[in-house]
Protein backbone atom coordinates (compact mmCIF):
# COMPACT_ATOMS: atom_id res chain seq x y z
CA MET A 1 9.52 -6.90 4.41
CA LEU A 2 13.13 -7.67 3.50
CA PRO A 3 14.83 -10.99 4.27
CA VAL A 4 17.56 -11.22 6.90
CA GLU A 5 20.26 -11.20 4.19
CA MET A 6 19.16 -7.71 3.07
CA MET A 7 17.84 -6.13 6.24
CA PRO A 8 21.17 -5.13 7.91
CA PHE A 9 22.33 -3.26 4.81
CA TYR A 10 19.10 -1.32 4.43
CA LYS A 11 18.89 -0.60 8.15
CA ALA A 12 22.43 0.76 8.11
CA HIS A 13 21.64 3.15 5.28
CA HIS A 14 18.00 3.98 5.94
CA GLN A 15 18.65 7.70 6.48
CA ALA A 16 20.53 7.99 3.20
CA ILE A 17 17.60 6.31 1.44
CA ILE A 18 15.25 8.87 3.00
CA ASP A 19 17.46 11.77 1.95
CA LEU A 20 18.06 10.51 -1.58
CA SER A 21 14.43 9.63 -2.23
CA VAL A 22 13.68 13.24 -3.21
CA ALA A 23 16.52 13.45 -5.75
CA PRO A 24 14.23 12.74 -8.75
CA ASP A 25 12.04 15.74 -7.88
CA LYS A 26 15.10 17.95 -7.47
CA ARG A 27 16.34 16.93 -10.93
CA ARG A 28 13.16 18.27 -12.53
CA TYR A 29 14.62 21.75 -12.20
CA THR A 30 17.88 20.91 -13.99
CA ASP A 31 17.08 18.01 -16.34
CA PRO A 32 14.36 18.55 -18.97
CA LYS A 33 14.07 14.78 -19.43
CA GLU A 34 13.17 14.17 -15.79
CA ALA A 35 9.52 15.25 -15.60
CA PRO A 36 8.08 12.52 -17.91
CA ARG A 37 9.62 9.86 -15.67
CA HIS A 38 7.09 10.67 -12.94
CA TYR A 39 3.76 10.18 -14.71
CA MET A 40 1.76 8.68 -17.55
CA ASP A 41 -1.18 10.31 -19.32
CA TRP A 42 -3.08 7.15 -20.15
CA GLU A 43 -5.63 9.09 -22.21
CA HIS A 44 -3.08 9.82 -24.91
CA TYR A 45 -1.87 6.25 -25.34
CA GLN A 46 -5.30 5.24 -26.67
CA LEU A 47 -5.21 1.71 -25.31
CA THR A 48 -7.94 -0.86 -25.78
CA THR A 49 -7.08 -2.38 -22.37
CA PRO A 50 -4.37 -1.61 -19.78
CA ASP A 51 -2.68 -4.88 -20.72
CA SER A 52 -2.14 -3.58 -24.25
CA LEU A 53 0.42 -1.09 -22.90
CA PRO A 54 3.80 -2.59 -23.91
CA LEU A 55 6.08 -3.50 -21.02
CA HIS A 56 9.33 -2.95 -22.89
CA TRP A 57 10.72 0.39 -24.04
CA ASN A 58 11.64 -0.62 -27.58
CA THR A 59 8.23 -2.18 -28.19
CA ALA A 60 6.50 0.93 -26.86
CA LYS A 61 8.74 3.21 -28.93
CA ALA A 62 7.90 1.29 -32.08
CA LYS A 63 4.18 1.60 -31.29
CA PHE A 64 3.92 5.20 -30.04
CA GLY A 65 7.12 6.98 -31.04
CA GLU A 66 9.62 8.34 -28.53
CA GLU A 67 8.53 11.96 -28.91
CA ALA A 68 4.94 11.12 -27.97
CA MET A 69 6.14 8.98 -25.06
CA GLN A 70 8.26 11.77 -23.65
CA LYS A 71 5.27 14.08 -23.87
CA ASN A 72 2.76 11.66 -22.36
CA GLY A 73 4.92 10.14 -19.61
CA VAL A 74 7.27 7.19 -19.28
CA VAL A 75 7.16 6.23 -15.61
CA LEU A 76 6.50 2.54 -16.33
CA TRP A 77 9.53 2.13 -18.58
CA HIS A 78 11.77 4.26 -16.41
CA ILE A 79 11.04 1.98 -13.46
CA GLY A 80 12.12 -0.90 -15.70
CA LEU A 81 15.40 0.87 -16.45
CA MET A 82 15.97 1.62 -12.76
CA ALA A 83 15.31 -2.02 -11.85
CA HIS A 84 17.90 -3.12 -14.40
CA ARG A 85 20.44 -0.71 -12.93
CA LEU A 86 19.65 -1.82 -9.39
CA THR A 87 20.17 -5.45 -10.36
CA GLN A 88 23.56 -4.53 -11.80
CA ALA A 89 24.46 -2.61 -8.64
CA PHE A 90 23.62 -5.64 -6.50
CA ALA A 91 25.67 -7.90 -8.78
CA SER A 92 28.72 -5.65 -8.48
CA GLN A 93 28.11 -5.11 -4.74
CA ASP A 94 28.28 -1.34 -5.29
CA ALA A 95 26.91 -0.14 -1.96
CA GLN A 96 26.50 3.52 -2.93
CA ALA A 97 24.69 2.66 -6.16
CA ILE A 98 22.41 0.20 -4.34
CA VAL A 99 21.36 2.86 -1.84
CA ARG A 100 20.88 5.58 -4.44
CA LEU A 101 18.96 3.40 -6.88
CA SER A 102 16.82 1.85 -4.13
CA ALA A 103 15.83 5.33 -2.99
CA GLU A 104 15.06 6.61 -6.46
CA ILE A 105 13.14 3.59 -7.70
CA GLY A 106 10.98 3.88 -4.59
CA HIS A 107 10.18 7.47 -5.58
CA TYR A 108 9.07 6.48 -9.08
CA ILE A 109 7.05 3.52 -7.80
CA GLY A 110 5.31 5.83 -5.33
CA ASP A 111 4.45 8.26 -8.13
CA ALA A 112 3.13 5.44 -10.30
CA HIS A 113 0.58 4.54 -7.62
CA VAL A 114 -0.83 8.06 -7.23
CA PRO A 115 -4.06 8.31 -9.28
CA LEU A 116 -3.34 11.86 -10.42
CA HIS A 117 0.04 10.76 -11.84
CA ASN A 118 -1.97 8.62 -14.25
CA THR A 119 -4.00 11.31 -15.97
CA GLU A 120 -3.50 14.49 -17.96
CA ASN A 121 -5.70 16.26 -15.40
CA TYR A 122 -2.93 15.77 -12.84
CA ASN A 123 -3.72 18.83 -10.74
CA GLY A 124 -7.38 19.38 -11.52
CA GLN A 125 -6.41 22.10 -13.98
CA LEU A 126 -8.86 20.73 -16.56
CA SER A 127 -11.80 20.55 -14.16
CA ASN A 128 -11.36 23.74 -12.14
CA GLN A 129 -9.94 21.80 -9.18
CA HIS A 130 -6.46 23.28 -9.15
CA GLY A 131 -4.51 22.11 -6.12
CA ILE A 132 -6.14 18.71 -5.72
CA HIS A 133 -2.80 16.99 -6.40
CA GLY A 134 -1.23 18.38 -3.24
CA LEU A 135 -4.41 17.73 -1.25
CA TRP A 136 -4.43 14.02 -2.11
CA GLU A 137 -0.71 13.33 -2.20
CA THR A 138 0.62 15.60 0.57
CA ASN A 139 -2.05 17.03 2.88
CA LEU A 140 -3.88 13.79 3.57
CA PRO A 141 -0.81 11.63 4.34
CA GLU A 142 0.63 14.36 6.56
CA LEU A 143 -2.62 14.59 8.51
CA PHE A 144 -3.60 10.93 8.72
CA SER A 145 -0.63 8.61 8.08
CA LYS A 146 -0.16 8.04 11.81
CA GLN A 147 -3.48 6.22 11.68
CA TYR A 148 -2.38 3.90 8.86
CA ASN A 149 -1.39 0.30 9.44
CA PHE A 150 1.96 -0.06 7.68
CA TYR A 151 2.50 -3.72 8.52
CA GLN A 152 3.22 -5.82 5.44
CA GLY A 153 4.21 -9.43 5.01
CA PRO A 154 7.59 -10.60 3.71
CA ALA A 155 8.76 -9.49 0.28
CA VAL A 156 8.00 -11.82 -2.63
CA TYR A 157 9.76 -12.43 -5.93
CA LEU A 158 8.13 -10.83 -8.98
CA PRO A 159 8.61 -12.89 -12.15
CA THR A 160 7.61 -9.90 -14.30
CA PRO A 161 8.08 -6.71 -12.26
CA LEU A 162 6.77 -4.34 -14.92
CA LYS A 163 3.57 -6.35 -15.24
CA THR A 164 3.04 -5.70 -11.53
CA ILE A 165 3.76 -1.99 -12.01
CA ARG A 166 1.43 -1.76 -15.00
CA SER A 167 -1.36 -3.42 -13.05
CA GLY A 168 -0.82 -1.07 -10.13
CA MET A 169 -0.88 1.94 -12.42
CA ALA A 170 -4.07 0.77 -14.09
CA HIS A 171 -5.70 0.41 -10.69
CA ALA A 172 -4.55 3.91 -9.71
CA ARG A 173 -5.90 5.20 -13.01
CA SER A 174 -9.30 3.66 -12.25
CA ALA A 175 -9.49 5.77 -9.08
CA VAL A 176 -9.05 9.11 -10.88
CA ASP A 177 -12.79 9.64 -11.33
CA SER A 178 -13.43 9.12 -7.62
CA VAL A 179 -10.57 11.45 -6.64
CA LEU A 180 -12.07 14.24 -8.73
CA THR A 181 -15.82 13.74 -8.26
CA ILE A 182 -15.62 13.35 -4.47
CA GLU A 183 -13.63 16.57 -4.16
CA ALA A 184 -16.08 18.41 -6.43
CA ALA A 185 -19.07 17.21 -4.42
CA LEU A 186 -17.48 18.28 -1.15
CA THR A 187 -16.55 21.66 -2.60
CA ALA A 188 -20.19 22.25 -3.50
CA LYS A 189 -21.23 21.49 0.10
CA MET A 190 -18.31 23.09 1.96
CA GLN A 191 -17.31 26.07 -0.16
CA GLU A 192 -17.01 28.41 2.83
CA ASP A 193 -15.00 25.86 4.83
CA LYS A 194 -12.75 24.64 2.02
CA PHE A 195 -9.73 26.84 2.73
CA GLY A 196 -8.20 28.17 5.91
CA LEU A 197 -5.11 28.15 8.13
CA TYR A 198 -3.51 24.97 9.43
CA THR A 199 -0.23 23.88 10.96
CA ARG A 200 2.40 22.23 8.77
CA ASN A 201 5.88 21.33 10.02
CA GLY A 202 5.37 23.62 12.98
CA LYS A 203 4.36 26.59 10.83
CA THR A 204 0.95 28.14 10.21
CA VAL A 205 0.16 28.10 6.50
CA SER A 206 -2.89 28.72 4.33
CA GLY A 207 -4.50 26.11 2.13
CA TYR A 208 -7.14 23.42 2.37
CA SER A 209 -8.73 23.56 5.79
CA GLU A 210 -8.32 20.65 8.14
CA LYS A 211 -12.11 20.31 8.21
CA PHE A 212 -12.26 19.92 4.44
CA SER A 213 -9.28 17.56 4.41
CA LYS A 214 -10.89 15.36 7.05
CA ALA A 215 -14.14 15.20 5.13
CA TYR A 216 -12.30 14.35 1.90
CA HIS A 217 -10.21 11.70 3.61
CA LYS A 218 -13.35 10.09 5.04
CA LYS A 219 -15.13 10.08 1.68
CA LEU A 220 -12.11 8.49 -0.02
CA ASN A 221 -12.65 5.55 2.35
CA GLY A 222 -9.01 4.56 2.84
CA MET A 223 -7.87 5.12 -0.76
CA VAL A 224 -4.71 7.04 0.14
CA GLU A 225 -3.67 4.41 2.70
CA ARG A 226 -4.31 1.57 0.22
CA GLN A 227 -2.27 3.22 -2.52
CA LEU A 228 0.55 4.04 -0.12
CA LEU A 229 0.69 0.48 1.17
CA THR A 230 0.66 -0.88 -2.38
CA SER A 231 3.61 1.32 -3.30
CA ILE A 232 5.49 0.19 -0.17
CA ARG A 233 4.82 -3.45 -0.93
CA THR A 234 5.81 -3.08 -4.58
CA THR A 235 9.01 -1.23 -3.72
CA ALA A 236 10.14 -3.93 -1.29
CA ASN A 237 9.21 -6.66 -3.75
CA ILE A 238 11.23 -5.02 -6.52
CA TRP A 239 14.25 -4.47 -4.26
CA TYR A 240 14.06 -8.16 -3.35
CA THR A 241 13.55 -9.27 -6.95
CA CYS A 242 16.55 -7.28 -8.16
CA TRP A 243 18.69 -8.81 -5.41
CA VAL A 244 17.56 -12.35 -6.33
CA ASN A 245 18.16 -11.72 -10.03
CA ALA A 246 21.68 -10.54 -9.17
CA GLY A 247 22.40 -13.89 -7.52
CA GLN A 248 21.59 -12.94 -3.90
CA PRO A 249 25.01 -11.41 -3.23
CA ILE A 250 26.28 -10.57 0.24
CA LEU A 251 25.59 -6.88 0.79
CA PRO A 252 28.62 -5.03 2.15
CA ILE A 253 27.94 -2.57 4.96
CA LYS A 254 30.64 -0.02 4.32
CA ASP A 255 31.27 3.19 6.20
CA PHE A 256 30.62 5.83 3.56
CA ARG A 257 28.79 9.11 3.44
CA PHE A 258 26.61 10.48 0.70
CA HIS A 259 27.32 14.02 -0.43
CA THR A 260 23.85 15.51 -0.39
CA THR A 261 22.54 18.96 0.30
CA THR A 262 19.17 17.62 1.34
CA THR A 263 17.80 19.44 4.37
CA LYS A 264 14.63 18.98 6.31
CA ASP A 265 13.18 22.12 4.76
CA SER A 266 13.97 20.97 1.22
CA LEU A 267 11.83 17.88 1.70
CA VAL A 268 8.77 20.15 1.59
CA LEU A 269 8.34 20.53 -2.15
CA LYS A 270 6.48 23.50 -3.55
CA GLU A 271 3.27 22.22 -5.09
CA HIS A 272 1.48 23.22 -8.27
CA LYS A 273 4.28 25.27 -9.84
CA LYS A 274 5.52 22.33 -11.87
CA ARG A 275 4.23 18.86 -12.43
CA HIS A 276 5.70 16.07 -10.27
């Protein structure tokens, strides 16, 4: 999706972007302020319409109070902060910061487009559906993403990036009921087939059976693919927008290495222990 002026830089550092994209989840275990940056409990903001959610941090803080915001999730405003920092990194041609911030903003944008990141009932814990978060967000993409059509058109400039994010989050929020009710209906029909053994990363593990996952994926009618593609499109558009806002600088392809302890095994995050 990126223009020719940006593509060589991102191609050169694509592996670092992959590795660094999980850094926000790793920080949850060391930074108590990290968790709220990944979600928003819309129920507790008591909005008349999604558009009444303020786009700017100071406006939101004046309306809701920072303590309540930190409790109920701040992913929208944190994406705004990350976009500001990425624009500054482009302007200063700081290659390491560009790569790191591009990776991390993509993580938060992805979270913002997951329906269960937009509700207090983020893991079905309020509806006796514990584990549904990992089923929707992890199991289904791992099983079916090879069938998805990832082709997207060229990146476009976003005049108001956070308005785009807010709209995407509201759409994800509107899918929460379907995510929960479809799983509940299938559970009632497939109770004996719901759990079993399946292969993950070359290992046999227990969890949702492949039969149940396939049935759930079919009933969702492409929802996971649509949300994934929306997050991809939005990420590229925001990268591009930040670069344009920085004056479309030449991106230096420098030979540097990131100091990261990320391993293939660490990319498999343990689900359900803590919110992500």
